[in-house]
C-alpha cells in the first residue's frame, strides 16, 4: 500500500483492497447528484418493496404499505434531520443555511425511526388499522434499508471510528474527511510522510450487524406470539448493535452541555423498554391477559383487522376465494363470544 493517498482514494490495507478515485457524486446534464442521496433513496425503495412482500406473505394487503410510504418517507427524513441538527446546534446555529443541505449527509437514524413510528401510529389511527401489525411488517424492510443506507456514509467518508489496525481497518485521506471527525487519537497515529487516517469502518460494522438482525426478524415472524413482537425485537437488536458501535465512532452527537453520546443513550433506552415490554406481554399472555394482541397465523388476513376490532374482538370481514372469483363476495360476521 502506498504511503500517500490521492484525495478520492479509499483503502482496506489488511484485505489488500485499494479503491482509486471513489466518487462522492456524478453529473447529469451539468447537475451534480450526490451518491449519498441516491443510496438513501434506494434504501427507502428497497425497504418498501420488502415490507410489501412481507405483508403479502402474511396475508395482508401490500397496497397498505404503498399507501403509507410517502408519509413515512417524508416524515422520517424530516425527523432524522431535526434530530441531527438539534444535537449539532453549535455548528448549525452559526451556519443556518447548512440545515437544508442534505447532500453532505447529516441524517440521524434514531430520529428517522422515531418519526416513522409516530407517523405509522397516526396513519393507523386515521385509517382504523392496527399499528402493531404494520410496524412488525415495516421493521423487516427498515433494517435492510439501514444496511443499504450506510453505504452512503462510505461514499461521504463519514461515520467511522477511532484508530484500529484490525483486519477491517480502513484508510481515508485527511483531505477527504471533515476536520471535526478527526480526533486527537487519530491525528496522533498519522505517521510522518503519510496523509491518511486508519479507522474502524463503523458503517460496515453496522451494516453487517443489521443484515444478521434481518435474518432474526424473519425468523421471529414465523415464531411470533403477539402483534408488536417483531418491532420489539428490532428495537432490542438494533439498540444493542448501535450502542457498542456508537462508542467507537468519532462523530458522536452529545447531549447539550455534556459528553454523553445521545444515540448511545437512546439505544440503551430502546433495549430496556423493548425487553421489558416483551417480558410483560409474554407473562401477561400466560395469565390470560392481552388476548387482543395474540397473533393467529391461521386467522383472518392481518390487513382486515383494524385496531378497534383487534381490541374488542368484534367481527372481521372474510372473503372466500370462491366468492372473489364469481364476484359475489359477502360479509360474514361472528360475535365476540363466537370468536372466543
Protein backbone atom coordinates (compact mmCIF):
# COMPACT_ATOMS: atom_id res chain seq x y z
CA UNK A 1 0.00 0.00 0.00
CA UNK A 2 1.24 3.48 -0.84
CA UNK A 3 2.09 5.99 1.90
CA UNK A 4 0.50 8.98 0.16
CA UNK A 5 -3.08 8.57 -1.00
CA UNK A 6 -4.89 10.62 -3.60
CA UNK A 7 -7.77 12.65 -2.09
CA UNK A 8 -10.51 10.43 -3.55
CA UNK A 9 -8.95 7.04 -2.71
CA UNK A 10 -10.11 4.58 -0.04
CA UNK A 11 -8.16 1.54 1.15
CA UNK A 12 -8.58 -1.56 3.30
CA UNK A 13 -4.89 -2.44 3.70
CA UNK A 14 -5.19 -5.76 5.53
CA UNK A 15 -7.68 -7.02 2.95
CA UNK A 16 -5.43 -5.94 0.11
CA UNK A 17 -8.12 -3.60 -1.26
CA UNK A 18 -7.19 -0.21 -2.72
CA UNK A 19 -10.01 1.75 -4.36
CA UNK A 20 -8.95 4.63 -6.58
CA UNK A 21 -10.96 7.76 -7.28
CA UNK A 22 -14.10 6.74 -5.36
CA UNK A 23 -16.64 9.45 -6.30
CA UNK A 24 -18.98 11.31 -3.98
CA UNK A 25 -21.26 12.43 -6.78
CA UNK A 26 -21.89 12.23 -10.51
CA UNK A 27 -23.14 14.69 -13.08
CA UNK A 28 -26.22 14.56 -15.29
CA UNK A 29 -26.63 17.43 -17.75
CA UNK A 30 -24.28 19.50 -15.64
CA UNK A 31 -26.20 18.90 -12.41
CA UNK A 32 -24.26 17.25 -9.60
CA UNK A 33 -26.10 14.40 -7.89
CA UNK A 34 -24.70 13.18 -4.57
CA UNK A 35 -24.31 9.42 -4.28
CA UNK A 36 -25.40 9.76 -0.66
CA UNK A 37 -28.83 10.89 -1.78
CA UNK A 38 -29.11 8.19 -4.44
CA UNK A 39 -28.24 5.48 -1.93
CA UNK A 40 -30.65 6.80 0.70
CA UNK A 41 -33.43 6.91 -1.90
CA UNK A 42 -32.57 3.35 -2.96
CA UNK A 43 -32.67 2.28 0.69
CA UNK A 44 -36.21 3.64 1.07
CA UNK A 45 -37.35 1.88 -2.11
CA UNK A 46 -35.90 -1.49 -1.09
CA UNK A 47 -37.40 -1.09 2.39
CA UNK A 48 -40.81 -0.52 0.86
CA UNK A 49 -40.53 -3.48 -1.51
CA UNK A 50 -39.56 -5.79 1.34
CA UNK A 51 -42.35 -4.51 3.60
CA UNK A 52 -44.92 -5.04 0.83
CA UNK A 53 -43.61 -8.55 0.15
CA UNK A 54 -43.64 -9.50 3.83
CA UNK A 55 -47.18 -8.11 4.04
CA UNK A 56 -48.23 -10.22 1.05
CA UNK A 57 -46.69 -13.38 2.53
CA UNK A 58 -48.50 -12.79 5.83
CA UNK A 59 -51.89 -12.38 4.11
CA UNK A 60 -52.01 -8.60 4.31
CA UNK A 61 -52.84 -6.17 1.53
CA UNK A 62 -49.48 -4.94 0.10
CA UNK A 63 -51.19 -1.74 -1.11
CA UNK A 64 -51.37 -0.64 2.52
CA UNK A 65 -47.61 -0.16 2.51
CA UNK A 66 -47.54 1.68 -0.79
CA UNK A 67 -50.28 3.99 0.51
CA UNK A 68 -48.39 4.89 3.69
CA UNK A 69 -44.95 5.04 2.06
CA UNK A 70 -44.85 8.72 1.07
CA UNK A 71 -45.90 9.89 4.54
CA UNK A 72 -43.36 7.70 6.30
CA UNK A 73 -40.50 8.60 3.94
CA UNK A 74 -41.04 12.35 4.22
CA UNK A 75 -41.50 12.37 7.99
CA UNK A 76 -38.56 10.00 8.54
CA UNK A 77 -36.23 12.29 6.62
CA UNK A 78 -37.55 15.33 8.48
CA UNK A 79 -37.21 13.55 11.82
CA UNK A 80 -33.70 12.31 11.05
CA UNK A 81 -32.58 15.80 10.06
CA UNK A 82 -34.17 17.54 13.05
CA UNK A 83 -32.56 15.03 15.42
CA UNK A 84 -29.13 15.61 13.85
CA UNK A 85 -29.40 19.39 13.74
CA UNK A 86 -30.69 19.56 17.33
CA UNK A 87 -27.59 17.87 18.69
CA UNK A 88 -25.21 19.71 16.35
CA UNK A 89 -26.73 23.09 17.11
CA UNK A 90 -23.43 24.81 17.86
CA UNK A 91 -22.43 24.27 14.24
CA UNK A 92 -25.81 24.88 12.59
CA UNK A 93 -26.62 27.98 14.63
CA UNK A 94 -23.51 29.55 13.11
CA UNK A 95 -24.29 28.10 9.65
CA UNK A 96 -28.11 28.09 9.42
CA UNK A 97 -28.22 27.71 5.64
CA UNK A 98 -26.50 24.33 6.04
CA UNK A 99 -29.56 22.98 7.87
CA UNK A 100 -31.17 22.43 4.47
CA UNK A 101 -28.08 20.93 2.83
CA UNK A 102 -28.81 17.20 2.86
CA UNK A 103 -26.32 16.45 0.11
CA UNK A 104 -23.49 16.34 2.64
CA UNK A 105 -25.16 13.84 4.97
CA UNK A 106 -26.43 14.53 8.46
CA UNK A 107 -29.42 12.24 8.93
CA UNK A 108 -29.63 10.60 12.37
CA UNK A 109 -31.20 7.15 12.07
CA UNK A 110 -32.79 7.19 15.51
CA UNK A 111 -34.55 10.44 14.67
CA UNK A 112 -35.90 8.93 11.46
CA UNK A 113 -37.06 5.76 13.21
CA UNK A 114 -38.87 7.67 15.95
CA UNK A 115 -40.57 9.96 13.42
CA UNK A 116 -41.50 6.96 11.28
CA UNK A 117 -43.11 5.10 14.18
CA UNK A 118 -45.15 8.17 15.14
CA UNK A 119 -46.27 8.58 11.51
CA UNK A 120 -47.38 4.95 11.29
CA UNK A 121 -49.30 5.28 14.57
CA UNK A 122 -51.13 8.40 13.38
CA UNK A 123 -51.88 6.92 9.96
CA UNK A 124 -53.31 3.76 11.51
CA UNK A 125 -55.45 5.79 13.91
CA UNK A 126 -56.96 7.71 10.99
CA UNK A 127 -57.44 4.62 8.81
CA UNK A 128 -58.59 2.34 11.62
CA UNK A 129 -55.70 -0.13 11.21
CA UNK A 130 -53.66 -1.96 13.82
CA UNK A 131 -50.31 -0.12 14.04
CA UNK A 132 -48.51 -3.09 15.62
CA UNK A 133 -49.18 -5.23 12.55
CA UNK A 134 -47.78 -2.54 10.26
CA UNK A 135 -44.76 -1.90 12.47
CA UNK A 136 -43.94 -5.60 12.61
CA UNK A 137 -44.03 -5.74 8.82
CA UNK A 138 -42.17 -2.49 8.20
CA UNK A 139 -39.35 -3.47 10.58
CA UNK A 140 -38.11 -6.12 8.13
CA UNK A 141 -37.75 -3.60 5.33
CA UNK A 142 -36.42 -0.92 7.65
CA UNK A 143 -33.39 -2.89 8.79
CA UNK A 144 -32.38 -3.79 5.21
CA UNK A 145 -32.80 -0.15 4.25
CA UNK A 146 -30.34 0.74 7.00
CA UNK A 147 -27.82 -1.74 5.60
CA UNK A 148 -28.02 -0.05 2.20
CA UNK A 149 -28.15 3.48 3.59
CA UNK A 150 -24.88 3.05 5.47
CA UNK A 151 -23.05 2.80 2.14
CA UNK A 152 -24.00 6.42 1.62
CA UNK A 153 -21.73 7.14 4.58
CA UNK A 154 -18.95 5.19 2.86
CA UNK A 155 -19.09 7.42 -0.22
CA UNK A 156 -19.30 10.51 2.00
CA UNK A 157 -16.24 9.41 4.03
CA UNK A 158 -18.11 9.66 7.31
CA UNK A 159 -19.42 7.52 10.19
CA UNK A 160 -16.07 5.94 11.06
CA UNK A 161 -14.45 5.07 14.35
CA UNK A 162 -11.14 5.65 16.05
CA UNK A 163 -7.77 4.19 15.13
CA UNK A 164 -7.51 0.45 14.55
CA UNK A 165 -5.07 -1.98 12.98
CA UNK A 166 -7.65 -4.77 12.75
CA UNK A 167 -8.43 -6.89 9.69
CA UNK A 168 -11.18 -4.49 8.52
CA UNK A 169 -9.18 -1.30 9.11
CA UNK A 170 -9.96 1.41 6.55
CA UNK A 171 -7.71 4.24 5.35
CA UNK A 172 -9.08 7.62 4.34
CA UNK A 173 -7.10 10.66 3.12
CA UNK A 174 -7.24 13.50 5.62
CA UNK A 175 -8.28 15.86 2.83
CA UNK A 176 -11.45 13.82 2.24
CA UNK A 177 -12.90 13.83 5.77
CA UNK A 178 -14.42 16.52 7.98
CA UNK A 179 -11.86 18.03 10.33
CA UNK A 180 -14.23 17.71 13.28
CA UNK A 181 -14.34 13.91 12.81
CA UNK A 182 -10.56 13.58 13.27
CA UNK A 183 -9.88 13.08 16.97
CA UNK A 184 -6.58 13.70 18.72
CA UNK A 185 -6.06 9.93 18.85
CA UNK A 186 -6.48 9.62 15.10
CA UNK A 187 -4.19 12.59 14.45
CA UNK A 188 -1.53 11.04 16.71
CA UNK A 189 -1.49 7.90 14.55
CA UNK A 190 -0.84 9.77 11.30
CA UNK A 191 2.70 8.65 10.54
CA UNK A 192 5.26 11.08 9.20
CA UNK A 193 5.24 11.07 5.42
CA UNK A 194 1.63 9.85 5.17
CA UNK A 195 -1.59 11.77 4.58
CA UNK A 196 -4.30 9.38 5.76
CA UNK A 197 -6.07 8.16 8.88
CA UNK A 198 -6.67 4.48 9.61
CA UNK A 199 -10.03 3.87 11.23
CA UNK A 200 -12.78 1.45 12.24
CA UNK A 201 -15.27 1.25 9.32
CA UNK A 202 -18.25 1.52 11.64
CA UNK A 203 -20.63 1.94 8.71
CA UNK A 204 -19.60 -1.58 7.67
CA UNK A 205 -19.91 -2.99 11.20
CA UNK A 206 -23.45 -1.67 11.45
CA UNK A 207 -24.35 -2.96 8.00
CA UNK A 208 -23.19 -6.50 8.87
CA UNK A 209 -24.97 -6.36 12.22
CA UNK A 210 -28.23 -5.24 10.63
CA UNK A 211 -28.04 -7.94 7.97
CA UNK A 212 -27.89 -10.54 10.74
CA UNK A 213 -30.75 -8.78 12.51
CA UNK A 214 -32.84 -9.03 9.33
CA UNK A 215 -32.50 -12.81 9.47
CA UNK A 216 -33.66 -12.81 13.09
CA UNK A 217 -36.68 -10.65 12.25
CA UNK A 218 -37.77 -13.03 9.51
CA UNK A 219 -37.39 -15.94 11.92
CA UNK A 220 -39.38 -14.03 14.54
CA UNK A 221 -42.24 -13.60 12.04
CA UNK A 222 -42.52 -17.38 11.87
CA UNK A 223 -42.36 -17.82 15.64
CA UNK A 224 -44.06 -14.67 16.93
CA UNK A 225 -46.79 -14.93 19.56
CA UNK A 226 -48.26 -11.43 19.54
CA UNK A 227 -48.60 -8.29 17.42
CA UNK A 228 -45.65 -5.99 18.03
CA UNK A 229 -43.15 -8.72 18.86
CA UNK A 230 -41.13 -8.23 15.66
CA UNK A 231 -40.75 -4.48 16.10
CA UNK A 232 -39.74 -5.05 19.72
CA UNK A 233 -37.00 -7.42 18.51
CA UNK A 234 -35.90 -4.75 16.04
CA UNK A 235 -35.55 -2.15 18.80
CA UNK A 236 -33.70 -4.59 21.03
CA UNK A 237 -31.40 -5.92 18.32
CA UNK A 238 -30.64 -2.61 16.64
CA UNK A 239 -30.23 -0.96 20.03
CA UNK A 240 -27.58 -3.48 21.12
CA UNK A 241 -25.64 -3.13 17.88
CA UNK A 242 -25.87 0.64 17.75
CA UNK A 243 -24.85 1.00 21.41
CA UNK A 244 -21.45 -0.68 21.07
CA UNK A 245 -20.76 0.77 17.63
CA UNK A 246 -21.65 4.27 18.81
CA UNK A 247 -18.95 4.15 21.48
CA UNK A 248 -16.15 3.81 18.92
CA UNK A 249 -17.43 6.43 16.46
CA UNK A 250 -15.70 9.80 16.24
CA UNK A 251 -18.75 11.77 15.09
CA UNK A 252 -20.94 11.25 18.13
CA UNK A 253 -23.82 13.59 18.90
CA UNK A 254 -23.81 14.72 22.53
CA UNK A 255 -26.49 15.85 24.92
CA UNK A 256 -26.09 19.64 25.22
CA UNK A 257 -23.58 20.59 27.87
CA UNK A 258 -22.38 17.00 28.40
CA UNK A 259 -20.16 14.35 26.88
CA UNK A 260 -22.90 11.72 26.87
CA UNK A 261 -23.46 10.32 23.34
CA UNK A 262 -27.18 10.82 22.75
CA UNK A 263 -27.53 7.91 20.30
CA UNK A 264 -25.95 5.58 22.85
CA UNK A 265 -28.49 6.69 25.45
CA UNK A 266 -31.39 6.29 23.00
CA UNK A 267 -30.10 2.80 22.13
CA UNK A 268 -29.95 1.76 25.78
CA UNK A 269 -33.46 3.13 26.33
CA UNK A 270 -34.73 1.19 23.30
CA UNK A 271 -33.18 -2.04 24.62
CA UNK A 272 -34.64 -1.65 28.10
CA UNK A 273 -38.14 -0.59 27.02
CA UNK A 274 -38.38 -3.35 24.40
CA UNK A 275 -37.06 -6.06 26.70
CA UNK A 276 -39.43 -5.07 29.50
CA UNK A 277 -42.39 -4.89 27.09
CA UNK A 278 -41.57 -8.34 25.71
CA UNK A 279 -41.36 -9.82 29.21
CA UNK A 280 -44.55 -8.15 30.45
CA UNK A 281 -46.62 -9.12 27.40
CA UNK A 282 -45.43 -12.73 27.31
CA UNK A 283 -46.07 -13.11 31.03
CA UNK A 284 -49.48 -11.49 30.65
CA UNK A 285 -50.43 -13.84 27.82
CA UNK A 286 -49.70 -16.83 30.06
CA UNK A 287 -52.04 -15.29 32.64
CA UNK A 288 -54.80 -14.77 30.09
CA UNK A 289 -54.19 -11.05 29.61
CA UNK A 290 -53.58 -9.07 26.39
CA UNK A 291 -55.58 -11.55 24.34
CA UNK A 292 -56.25 -8.82 21.76
CA UNK A 293 -52.53 -8.89 20.94
CA UNK A 294 -52.39 -12.59 20.10
CA UNK A 295 -51.11 -13.40 16.64
CA UNK A 296 -53.06 -16.13 14.87
CA UNK A 297 -51.17 -17.19 11.71
CA UNK A 298 -54.24 -19.09 10.54
CA UNK A 299 -56.80 -16.39 11.33
CA UNK A 300 -58.24 -13.54 9.27
CA UNK A 301 -55.86 -11.61 6.97
CA UNK A 302 -53.99 -9.07 9.06
CA UNK A 303 -54.92 -6.15 6.79
CA UNK A 304 -58.61 -6.81 7.54
CA UNK A 305 -58.14 -6.33 11.26
CA UNK A 306 -58.45 -2.76 12.45
CA UNK A 307 -57.06 -1.53 15.74
CA UNK A 308 -60.57 -1.29 17.14
CA UNK A 309 -61.52 -4.79 16.02
CA UNK A 310 -58.40 -6.34 17.47
CA UNK A 311 -59.16 -4.68 20.80
CA UNK A 312 -62.82 -5.51 21.30
CA UNK A 313 -62.88 -8.82 19.43
CA UNK A 314 -65.64 -7.75 17.03
CA UNK A 315 -66.17 -9.32 13.59
CA UNK A 316 -63.73 -9.12 10.67
CA UNK A 317 -64.76 -9.27 7.04
CA UNK A 318 -63.90 -12.61 5.45
CA UNK A 319 -63.91 -13.18 1.72
CA UNK A 320 -63.55 -16.69 0.33
CA UNK A 321 -61.62 -17.46 -2.84
CA UNK A 322 -64.77 -18.82 -4.48
CA UNK A 323 -66.75 -15.69 -3.66
CA UNK A 324 -63.97 -13.48 -5.04
CA UNK A 325 -63.93 -15.45 -8.28
CA UNK A 326 -67.62 -15.13 -9.08
CA UNK A 327 -67.85 -11.56 -7.81
CA UNK A 328 -70.45 -12.42 -5.16
CA UNK A 329 -68.38 -11.76 -2.04
CA UNK A 330 -70.37 -11.17 1.12
CA UNK A 331 -69.52 -10.16 4.64
CA UNK A 332 -69.56 -12.86 7.31
CA UNK A 333 -69.55 -11.61 10.87
CA UNK A 334 -69.14 -13.50 14.11
CA UNK A 335 -69.84 -12.20 17.57
CA UNK A 336 -67.14 -11.72 20.18
CA UNK A 337 -68.49 -14.71 22.06
CA UNK A 338 -68.17 -16.95 18.99
CA UNK A 339 -64.58 -15.79 18.39
CA UNK A 340 -63.58 -16.57 21.95
